[in-house]
């Protein structure tokens, strides 16, 4: 994996960058094929696509009881829920800025919700 111009390239594709001041964001990067149909309850399969992947917006949250969580989270997206929800958001320091270019730690963050509700787009 490496940065090159306006794209991040990896073994299974390339993504346009979305620039946010000090951080470059790659939103909605698939880490597996959607767990639907034949792939439901099976081991995740690597994602695949042809061409350019648009990583500039959040992808759907996994299915959940929206009626129960709207009381506590009124901003929860109404229509952006799907079984096709195996995506990750990646935030990296902007290489075009002047700062120490040493190695950075990796942070993995799982949104809250007790595995029954929540979404990365609520708390990016």
Protein backbone atom coordinates (compact mmCIF):
# COMPACT_ATOMS: atom_id res chain seq x y z
CA UNK A 1 0.00 0.00 0.00
CA UNK A 2 1.35 3.45 -0.87
CA UNK A 3 0.18 6.99 -1.56
CA UNK A 4 0.61 8.33 -5.06
CA UNK A 5 -0.74 11.66 -6.27
CA UNK A 6 -4.50 11.65 -5.63
CA UNK A 7 -4.96 7.89 -5.32
CA UNK A 8 -4.27 5.21 -2.80
CA UNK A 9 -3.47 1.93 -4.53
CA UNK A 10 -3.79 -1.52 -3.07
CA UNK A 11 -3.90 -5.07 -4.42
CA UNK A 12 -7.64 -4.93 -5.12
CA UNK A 13 -8.13 -1.39 -6.42
CA UNK A 14 -7.51 2.31 -6.08
CA UNK A 15 -9.45 5.01 -4.25
CA UNK A 16 -9.76 8.78 -4.79
CA UNK A 17 -8.76 10.74 -1.70
CA UNK A 18 -11.09 13.04 0.17
CA UNK A 19 -8.96 15.78 1.73
CA UNK A 20 -9.88 17.10 5.18
CA UNK A 21 -7.24 19.60 6.25
CA UNK A 22 -4.68 17.58 8.22
CA UNK A 23 -6.19 14.18 7.51
CA UNK A 24 -6.93 12.29 4.30
CA UNK A 25 -10.10 10.19 4.53
CA UNK A 26 -10.90 7.03 2.64
CA UNK A 27 -14.55 6.38 3.45
CA UNK A 28 -16.53 3.24 2.73
CA UNK A 29 -13.63 0.98 1.72
CA UNK A 30 -14.98 -2.59 1.47
CA UNK A 31 -13.14 -5.25 3.42
CA UNK A 32 -15.26 -8.17 2.22
CA UNK A 33 -17.98 -9.05 -0.27
CA UNK A 34 -21.50 -8.24 0.98
CA UNK A 35 -22.77 -11.01 3.30
CA UNK A 36 -25.94 -11.61 1.29
CA UNK A 37 -27.35 -14.61 -0.55
CA UNK A 38 -24.78 -17.41 -0.80
CA UNK A 39 -22.28 -15.49 1.35
CA UNK A 40 -24.58 -15.16 4.37
CA UNK A 41 -23.17 -17.01 7.41
CA UNK A 42 -20.01 -17.91 5.48
CA UNK A 43 -16.41 -16.85 5.84
CA UNK A 44 -15.90 -13.32 4.45
CA UNK A 45 -14.55 -13.21 0.90
CA UNK A 46 -12.13 -10.52 -0.35
CA UNK A 47 -13.81 -7.59 -2.11
CA UNK A 48 -13.40 -7.11 -5.84
CA UNK A 49 -14.35 -4.49 -8.38
CA UNK A 50 -13.04 -3.00 -11.58
CA UNK A 51 -11.87 0.56 -12.04
CA UNK A 52 -11.91 3.35 -9.50
CA UNK A 53 -13.61 2.98 -6.09
CA UNK A 54 -15.23 6.18 -4.82
CA UNK A 55 -14.05 6.51 -1.19
CA UNK A 56 -15.54 9.96 -0.60
CA UNK A 57 -18.70 9.07 1.35
CA UNK A 58 -19.90 6.82 4.18
CA UNK A 59 -21.52 3.51 3.24
CA UNK A 60 -24.65 1.97 4.83
CA UNK A 61 -24.82 0.87 8.44
CA UNK A 62 -25.76 -2.74 9.19
CA UNK A 63 -29.45 -3.58 9.77
CA UNK A 64 -30.78 -2.60 13.18
CA UNK A 65 -33.95 -1.64 15.03
CA UNK A 66 -34.18 1.98 13.95
CA UNK A 67 -37.43 2.57 15.81
CA UNK A 68 -35.72 1.71 19.12
CA UNK A 69 -32.61 3.83 18.62
CA UNK A 70 -34.17 7.00 17.22
CA UNK A 71 -35.19 7.97 20.77
CA UNK A 72 -31.55 8.04 21.88
CA UNK A 73 -29.90 8.94 18.57
CA UNK A 74 -32.25 11.28 16.67
CA UNK A 75 -29.64 11.91 13.91
CA UNK A 76 -29.41 8.25 12.99
CA UNK A 77 -29.69 7.95 9.19
CA UNK A 78 -33.10 6.73 8.11
CA UNK A 79 -32.42 5.17 4.73
CA UNK A 80 -28.72 4.35 4.92
CA UNK A 81 -29.04 0.83 6.37
CA UNK A 82 -28.28 -2.34 4.42
CA UNK A 83 -27.00 -5.90 4.73
CA UNK A 84 -24.23 -4.71 2.39
CA UNK A 85 -22.38 -3.03 5.27
CA UNK A 86 -18.85 -4.50 5.47
CA UNK A 87 -16.92 -1.26 5.02
CA UNK A 88 -14.19 0.56 6.89
CA UNK A 89 -13.15 4.20 7.06
CA UNK A 90 -9.44 4.97 6.94
CA UNK A 91 -7.93 8.25 8.15
CA UNK A 92 -4.26 9.00 7.43
CA UNK A 93 -2.12 12.12 7.94
CA UNK A 94 -2.05 14.38 4.89
CA UNK A 95 1.40 13.89 3.30
CA UNK A 96 1.20 17.35 1.68
CA UNK A 97 1.46 19.13 5.04
CA UNK A 98 4.65 20.03 6.84
CA UNK A 99 4.98 17.75 9.85
CA UNK A 100 7.04 14.82 11.02
CA UNK A 101 6.74 12.07 8.42
CA UNK A 102 7.82 9.27 10.75
CA UNK A 103 5.89 6.06 11.27
CA UNK A 104 2.48 6.51 12.90
CA UNK A 105 0.66 4.17 15.26
CA UNK A 106 -2.42 2.36 13.99
CA UNK A 107 -5.67 2.83 15.87
CA UNK A 108 -8.60 0.48 15.33
CA UNK A 109 -11.86 1.89 16.62
CA UNK A 110 -15.19 0.10 16.75
CA UNK A 111 -18.20 2.36 17.14
CA UNK A 112 -20.30 1.87 20.23
CA UNK A 113 -23.65 0.18 20.16
CA UNK A 114 -23.21 -3.22 21.80
CA UNK A 115 -23.20 -4.79 18.32
CA UNK A 116 -26.92 -4.04 17.98
CA UNK A 117 -26.95 -0.39 16.86
CA UNK A 118 -24.68 2.42 15.75
CA UNK A 119 -22.69 3.46 12.72
CA UNK A 120 -19.27 4.88 11.89
CA UNK A 121 -20.91 7.81 10.12
CA UNK A 122 -22.38 9.01 13.41
CA UNK A 123 -18.99 9.16 15.14
CA UNK A 124 -16.30 9.40 12.43
